Every structure is written in structure tokens, then in C-alpha cells.
Amino acid sequence: MQAGHLLAIGAELGEGPIWIDGALWFVDIKGSRIYRHVPETGALDRWDAPEFVGWVVPSAKGDLIAGLQSGPHRFSPEMGAFDRIAEIDAHLPANRLNDAAIDPAGRLFFGTMDNDEAAPSGRVFMLDAGAVSATAIHPTVITNGPAIAPGGTHLYHVDTLARTITVHAIAADGSVGPAAPFLRFTGDEGHPDGAICDAEGGVWVAFYGGWAARRYNTSGQLTDEVRFPVSNVTKIALGGPDHRTAYATTARQGLSAEALAAQPLAGDIFTFPVSIPGLPIPPANS
């Protein structure tokens, strides 16, 4: 399958696509911008963030939570205002927040990473009812995912530079268990980037430098591959009225002038249909 072009954005590092109440939200991390696209009307709105921004998710309080470089912030689209909930990695000024997912209990799991992509300073944290705690997942350079299995039983953690995905049990209190191997990639596929789970527990993985997004079943077998006209695919979301429309973010970051000339759509938003739907995103309990 080939992905279709949807929106011309030209993001330096497009990321964090998520379907919330009939709209696709996504960010340009390095551009410090938040976007909202309403497919039904074609509307595209943009907000400037005060720091690098990795993601936005719905909150049970009725607004959004945004993952800014210094920590999760409450975000009001109406006011364009950001209010920090917690400071993360204050002793690591080169770190930033990178990716996030919410379990059915409303716990928000999010990762940090070294913005220079060199130091193994990235951790996975949990925000639960306004309190942040570090999980037991081993530090790494670039955290991605996490992806949450249906029912909230397991978390998939992507170590992008090691090209591995591990699976961890989630206990009733939200604590994350030890790593079990799930997938390891050789490098021909590119680097595994953002990951999500669909309604059957399949794991969709975007591949940075891999020109593709791929779905794996719970046994780790490849079931679907979607090719892109751009190399850096960063993450997908499953949305639309029946959650059977995939939306993908991409990036221009790291591409040479020659590569950009060959990939004029790099950094744009793409779409493709899926047969197995996604699940509605539960709001964070913070």
C-alpha cells in the first residue's frame, strides 16, 4: 500500500499525531508548534509553544496536556496558554519530552530523550493524577512509543537507536514490569520511531529513514506495510469516524539539500486506510 498526501506542513520534526473529538492534532517538535486539522471542514489551526513540544493529549479536565521540553503542561487552545504541571529532568537541560500514550485508567506514560541524540539520559515517566514518577524502564538515548495494549495490560517501549522494541506488563497500580523482547530490527528497515496499538493489539511502528510504517501482530509477525514518498516517517494515529483512517507525521530533519530536493513532501502529513480500527484515546486523569 502507498500512503496518500494529506497536508503540506513542511515540519522539521513532525510528531505526536492523535485523534481527539473529530480532529487530528500533531506537533512540529523542532518548530515548537501545535497543529489541529479537522478533516470534515478542512480547517487547519496552529499554536506556537514556548519550548520544543513533543505531543498533546486530552485531559479529563476538558483541556489538553502538552509535552513541552521542561515537562507536561496544561494547554488551553482557546487562550493559547501553557501552565506547567511538573518539571522533568531539570538537571539535564539538553533533555526534552519526546512521545506519550495514555492507558485506560488515564495514566499518561511519556518518555524523555537527549535532544543531541547522544547521551543515554532518556527515561519513561508516568503522570498519574498530577503526580509524576519514573518507571523502571532502563534509560536509553531516544525513547519512543510507549504504545499501550488494549485493556492497558502491557506497554511497548521503543529504543530507537538500538532498533529494539520491548514489552512490559503494567500492574494495577501503574508500575511497569521488566522488559521482555518483542522486536529487533537489522537496520535495513530504518529506525523504529513512534508506535501505537490498534483494537486487536497490533503494533503500528513508523520507521525513521525507512520510507514506511509497518504493523506487527502480538506475536511480532509483520502483517501490513505502507510505503511513503518520504524517508522519515515518525508516527501514525488511527482516527476518522470509525478509527479506520491512519494519519502519519513525517520529518525534514537530517535530510541533505539533495535529499530534500528528491523528497519535496518531507515533513508533511499523509494518510491511508486500515482494516483493523484504532481505539478512542482515553483522557489523562491529570
Protein backbone atom coordinates (compact mmCIF):
# COMPACT_ATOMS: atom_id res chain seq x y z
CA MET A 1 0.00 0.00 0.00
CA GLN A 2 1.10 3.56 -0.67
CA ALA A 3 0.28 6.42 1.70
CA GLY A 4 -1.54 9.41 0.24
CA HIS A 5 -0.56 13.02 0.78
CA LEU A 6 -2.91 14.99 3.03
CA LEU A 7 -1.43 18.26 4.32
CA ALA A 8 1.53 20.41 3.27
CA ILE A 9 3.26 21.29 6.55
CA GLY A 10 6.99 21.01 5.92
CA ALA A 11 7.65 20.19 9.57
CA GLU A 12 11.22 19.96 10.73
CA LEU A 13 10.20 17.10 13.04
CA GLY A 14 6.51 16.27 12.72
CA GLU A 15 5.34 14.03 15.56
CA GLY A 16 2.62 13.11 18.04
CA PRO A 17 -0.43 12.60 15.78
CA ILE A 18 -3.55 11.88 17.81
CA TRP A 19 -7.29 11.84 17.05
CA ILE A 20 -9.33 13.88 19.53
CA ASP A 21 -13.04 14.69 19.10
CA GLY A 22 -13.16 14.70 15.31
CA ALA A 23 -9.81 16.40 14.80
CA LEU A 24 -6.25 15.36 14.10
CA TRP A 25 -3.73 17.00 16.42
CA PHE A 26 0.03 16.85 15.80
CA VAL A 27 3.18 18.83 16.50
CA ASP A 28 6.40 20.02 14.93
CA ILE A 29 8.82 19.36 17.78
CA LYS A 30 11.71 21.46 16.50
CA GLY A 31 9.37 24.15 15.18
CA SER A 32 7.70 24.40 18.64
CA ARG A 33 4.26 24.30 17.03
CA ILE A 34 0.98 22.53 17.73
CA TYR A 35 -1.48 21.87 14.90
CA ARG A 36 -5.15 20.87 14.71
CA HIS A 37 -6.74 19.67 11.47
CA VAL A 38 -10.47 19.00 11.09
CA PRO A 39 -10.89 16.74 8.03
CA GLU A 40 -14.64 17.39 7.80
CA THR A 41 -14.12 21.11 7.20
CA GLY A 42 -10.52 21.23 6.04
CA ALA A 43 -9.64 23.65 8.84
CA LEU A 44 -6.00 23.81 9.96
CA ASP A 45 -5.11 25.75 13.13
CA ARG A 46 -1.69 26.39 14.65
CA TRP A 47 -0.35 27.42 18.04
CA ASP A 48 3.22 28.43 18.91
CA ALA A 49 4.62 26.75 22.01
CA PRO A 50 7.23 28.38 24.27
CA GLU A 51 9.52 25.32 24.10
CA PHE A 52 10.05 22.22 21.99
CA VAL A 53 6.77 20.30 22.12
CA GLY A 54 6.57 16.52 21.68
CA TRP A 55 2.83 15.82 21.95
CA VAL A 56 -0.63 16.88 23.05
CA VAL A 57 -3.22 14.58 24.66
CA PRO A 58 -6.76 15.05 26.01
CA SER A 59 -7.30 15.70 29.69
CA ALA A 60 -10.26 14.74 31.88
CA LYS A 61 -10.33 18.39 32.94
CA GLY A 62 -11.56 19.31 29.45
CA ASP A 63 -8.41 20.92 28.10
CA LEU A 64 -5.22 19.34 26.76
CA ILE A 65 -1.86 18.35 28.20
CA ALA A 66 1.18 19.25 26.11
CA GLY A 67 4.60 17.68 26.47
CA LEU A 68 6.95 20.65 26.41
CA GLN A 69 10.71 20.32 26.79
CA SER A 70 10.69 21.07 30.52
CA GLY A 71 7.71 18.87 31.38
CA PRO A 72 3.99 18.28 30.88
CA HIS A 73 1.94 21.48 30.71
CA ARG A 74 -1.77 22.13 30.79
CA PHE A 75 -2.65 23.68 27.42
CA SER A 76 -5.71 25.81 26.66
CA PRO A 77 -6.27 26.07 22.89
CA GLU A 78 -8.80 28.86 23.45
CA MET A 79 -6.31 31.03 25.32
CA GLY A 80 -3.13 29.67 23.75
CA ALA A 81 -1.82 29.38 27.31
CA PHE A 82 0.54 26.83 28.88
CA ASP A 83 0.72 26.05 32.61
CA ARG A 84 3.38 23.61 33.78
CA ILE A 85 2.16 20.59 35.76
CA ALA A 86 5.59 19.21 36.64
CA GLU A 87 9.23 19.87 35.79
CA ILE A 88 11.15 16.93 34.33
CA ASP A 89 14.93 16.46 34.11
CA ALA A 90 15.77 19.92 35.43
CA HIS A 91 19.34 18.68 35.94
CA LEU A 92 19.54 17.65 32.26
CA PRO A 93 18.97 20.83 30.24
CA ALA A 94 19.65 19.06 26.94
CA ASN A 95 16.77 16.63 27.53
CA ARG A 96 13.27 17.06 26.15
CA LEU A 97 9.98 15.16 26.14
CA ASN A 98 9.50 13.02 23.05
CA ASP A 99 6.44 10.71 22.92
CA ALA A 100 3.46 9.67 25.04
CA ALA A 101 0.44 7.38 25.46
CA ILE A 102 -2.47 7.05 27.90
CA ASP A 103 -3.69 3.80 29.44
CA PRO A 104 -7.40 3.04 30.11
CA ALA A 105 -7.00 4.24 33.72
CA GLY A 106 -5.97 7.68 32.47
CA ARG A 107 -2.31 7.31 33.40
CA LEU A 108 -0.05 9.18 31.00
CA PHE A 109 3.22 7.45 30.13
CA PHE A 110 5.80 9.63 28.40
CA GLY A 111 9.47 9.47 27.50
CA THR A 112 12.37 11.88 27.54
CA MET A 113 15.50 11.94 25.40
CA ASP A 114 18.75 13.76 24.81
CA ASN A 115 18.00 16.40 22.19
CA ASP A 116 21.51 15.85 20.79
CA GLU A 117 20.73 12.12 20.44
CA ALA A 118 23.96 11.10 22.16
CA ALA A 119 23.58 10.59 25.92
CA PRO A 120 21.58 7.66 27.38
CA SER A 121 19.57 10.07 29.54
CA GLY A 122 16.09 9.24 28.28
CA ARG A 123 13.62 7.76 30.76
CA VAL A 124 9.96 6.76 30.67
CA PHE A 125 7.80 8.53 33.26
CA MET A 126 4.21 8.20 34.41
CA LEU A 127 1.88 11.12 35.17
CA ASP A 128 -0.97 9.88 37.38
CA ALA A 129 -3.48 12.29 38.95
CA GLY A 130 -0.98 15.14 38.73
CA ALA A 131 1.98 13.25 40.23
CA VAL A 132 5.00 12.21 38.15
CA SER A 133 7.15 9.15 38.84
CA ALA A 134 9.88 7.42 36.85
CA THR A 135 9.17 3.92 35.61
CA ALA A 136 11.64 1.04 35.89
CA ILE A 137 12.32 1.02 32.14
CA HIS A 138 16.06 1.21 31.54
CA PRO A 139 17.42 4.60 30.41
CA THR A 140 18.21 5.00 26.73
CA VAL A 141 19.20 7.71 24.26
CA ILE A 142 15.90 8.04 22.37
CA THR A 143 12.70 6.73 23.93
CA ASN A 144 9.75 6.18 21.61
CA GLY A 145 6.27 4.89 21.99
CA PRO A 146 5.24 3.99 24.53
CA ALA A 147 2.35 2.11 22.97
CA ILE A 148 -0.37 0.77 25.28
CA ALA A 149 -2.07 -2.56 24.55
CA PRO A 150 -5.90 -2.72 24.63
CA GLY A 151 -7.06 -3.13 28.19
CA GLY A 152 -3.91 -1.47 29.48
CA THR A 153 -2.20 -4.76 30.26
CA HIS A 154 1.10 -4.08 28.51
CA LEU A 155 3.33 -1.26 27.35
CA TYR A 156 5.60 -1.42 24.31
CA HIS A 157 8.80 0.62 24.61
CA VAL A 158 10.81 1.60 21.54
CA ASP A 159 14.58 2.08 21.85
CA THR A 160 15.12 3.86 18.56
CA LEU A 161 18.92 3.78 18.32
CA ALA A 162 19.16 0.16 19.49
CA ARG A 163 16.42 -0.70 16.95
CA THR A 164 14.51 -2.76 19.51
CA ILE A 165 11.00 -2.87 20.96
CA THR A 166 10.41 -4.45 24.37
CA VAL A 167 7.11 -5.28 26.05
CA HIS A 168 6.41 -4.63 29.73
CA ALA A 169 3.46 -5.68 31.90
CA ILE A 170 1.55 -2.85 33.58
CA ALA A 171 0.44 -3.64 37.13
CA ALA A 172 -2.81 -2.44 38.68
CA ASP A 173 -1.00 0.47 40.31
CA GLY A 174 0.58 1.52 37.01
CA SER A 175 4.05 0.21 37.78
CA VAL A 176 5.85 -1.17 34.76
CA GLY A 177 7.43 -4.62 34.82
CA PRO A 178 10.75 -5.85 33.40
CA ALA A 179 11.47 -5.90 29.70
CA ALA A 180 10.69 -8.88 27.50
CA PRO A 181 11.91 -8.85 23.88
CA PHE A 182 9.29 -8.14 21.22
CA LEU A 183 11.02 -6.96 18.03
CA ARG A 184 14.57 -6.33 16.86
CA PHE A 185 15.40 -4.71 13.54
CA THR A 186 18.51 -5.10 11.42
CA GLY A 187 18.78 -1.57 10.07
CA ASP A 188 17.51 -2.25 6.57
CA GLU A 189 14.05 -1.19 7.79
CA GLY A 190 15.26 2.16 9.18
CA HIS A 191 15.00 3.18 12.83
CA PRO A 192 11.76 2.32 14.69
CA ASP A 193 10.13 5.56 15.78
CA GLY A 194 6.64 6.22 17.18
CA ALA A 195 4.40 3.23 17.92
CA ILE A 196 0.71 2.71 18.70
CA CYS A 197 -1.62 -0.25 19.25
CA ASP A 198 -4.86 -0.91 17.39
CA ALA A 199 -8.05 -2.56 18.67
CA GLU A 200 -6.65 -6.08 18.18
CA GLY A 201 -3.39 -5.29 19.94
CA GLY A 202 -1.43 -4.99 16.71
CA VAL A 203 1.50 -2.60 16.92
CA TRP A 204 1.93 0.02 14.21
CA VAL A 205 5.51 1.31 14.02
CA ALA A 206 6.75 4.25 11.96
CA PHE A 207 10.28 3.96 10.57
CA TYR A 208 12.60 6.95 10.50
CA GLY A 209 14.80 6.61 7.45
CA GLY A 210 12.74 3.59 6.42
CA TRP A 211 10.17 5.09 4.00
CA ALA A 212 7.41 3.07 5.68
CA ALA A 213 5.04 2.27 8.52
CA ARG A 214 4.51 -1.38 9.46
CA ARG A 215 2.04 -3.33 11.59
CA TYR A 216 3.04 -6.35 13.68
CA ASN A 217 0.66 -8.70 15.45
CA THR A 218 1.02 -9.63 19.11
CA SER A 219 3.39 -12.46 18.13
CA GLY A 220 5.69 -9.98 16.38
CA GLN A 221 4.79 -11.09 12.86
CA LEU A 222 4.62 -8.47 10.12
CA THR A 223 1.05 -8.14 8.83
CA ASP A 224 0.98 -4.83 6.92
CA GLU A 225 3.41 -2.42 5.28
CA VAL A 226 2.64 1.04 3.93
CA ARG A 227 5.24 2.83 1.81
CA PHE A 228 5.78 6.60 1.74
CA PRO A 229 7.34 9.00 -0.78
CA VAL A 230 9.45 10.42 2.09
CA SER A 231 12.05 8.64 4.17
CA ASN A 232 11.45 9.92 7.70
CA VAL A 233 8.10 8.58 8.94
CA THR A 234 7.70 9.38 12.64
CA LYS A 235 4.33 8.16 13.97
CA ILE A 236 0.76 7.33 12.97
CA ALA A 237 -2.64 7.86 14.56
CA LEU A 238 -5.83 5.93 13.84
CA GLY A 239 -8.82 8.24 13.55
CA GLY A 240 -11.76 9.25 11.45
CA PRO A 241 -15.40 8.43 12.30
CA ASP A 242 -14.68 4.70 12.57
CA HIS A 243 -11.00 4.93 13.57
CA ARG A 244 -10.03 3.20 10.32
CA THR A 245 -8.13 6.13 8.81
CA ALA A 246 -4.42 6.33 9.55
CA TYR A 247 -2.67 9.69 9.70
CA ALA A 248 1.12 9.87 9.63
CA THR A 249 3.60 12.58 10.55
CA THR A 250 6.98 12.90 8.83
CA ALA A 251 10.16 14.95 9.19
CA ARG A 252 12.65 17.00 7.19
CA GLN A 253 15.23 16.82 9.98
CA GLY A 254 18.61 15.45 8.96
CA LEU A 255 17.94 15.45 5.23
CA SER A 256 20.55 16.99 2.93
CA ALA A 257 19.67 19.59 0.32
CA GLU A 258 19.82 16.85 -2.30
CA ALA A 259 17.51 14.59 -0.27
CA LEU A 260 15.04 17.42 0.28
CA ALA A 261 15.00 18.14 -3.43
CA ALA A 262 14.19 14.48 -4.06
CA GLN A 263 11.59 14.46 -1.23
CA PRO A 264 9.62 17.72 -1.61
CA LEU A 265 6.82 16.35 0.62
CA ALA A 266 9.11 15.64 3.59
CA GLY A 267 7.61 16.99 6.81
CA ASP A 268 4.03 16.73 5.51
CA ILE A 269 1.04 14.71 6.75
CA PHE A 270 -0.01 11.51 4.98
CA THR A 271 -2.99 9.16 5.24
CA PHE A 272 -4.06 5.63 4.39
CA PRO A 273 -6.96 3.28 5.27
CA VAL A 274 -6.64 0.37 7.69
CA SER A 275 -8.83 -2.70 8.11
CA ILE A 276 -8.42 -3.02 11.88
CA PRO A 277 -9.54 0.14 13.69
CA GLY A 278 -7.88 2.01 16.46
CA LEU A 279 -9.48 2.73 19.83
CA PRO A 280 -10.64 6.11 21.15
CA ILE A 281 -7.95 7.81 23.25
CA PRO A 282 -8.94 7.99 26.92
CA PRO A 283 -8.35 11.35 28.60
CA ALA A 284 -5.47 11.71 31.02
CA ASN A 285 -6.59 11.80 34.65
CA SER A 286 -4.47 14.90 35.36
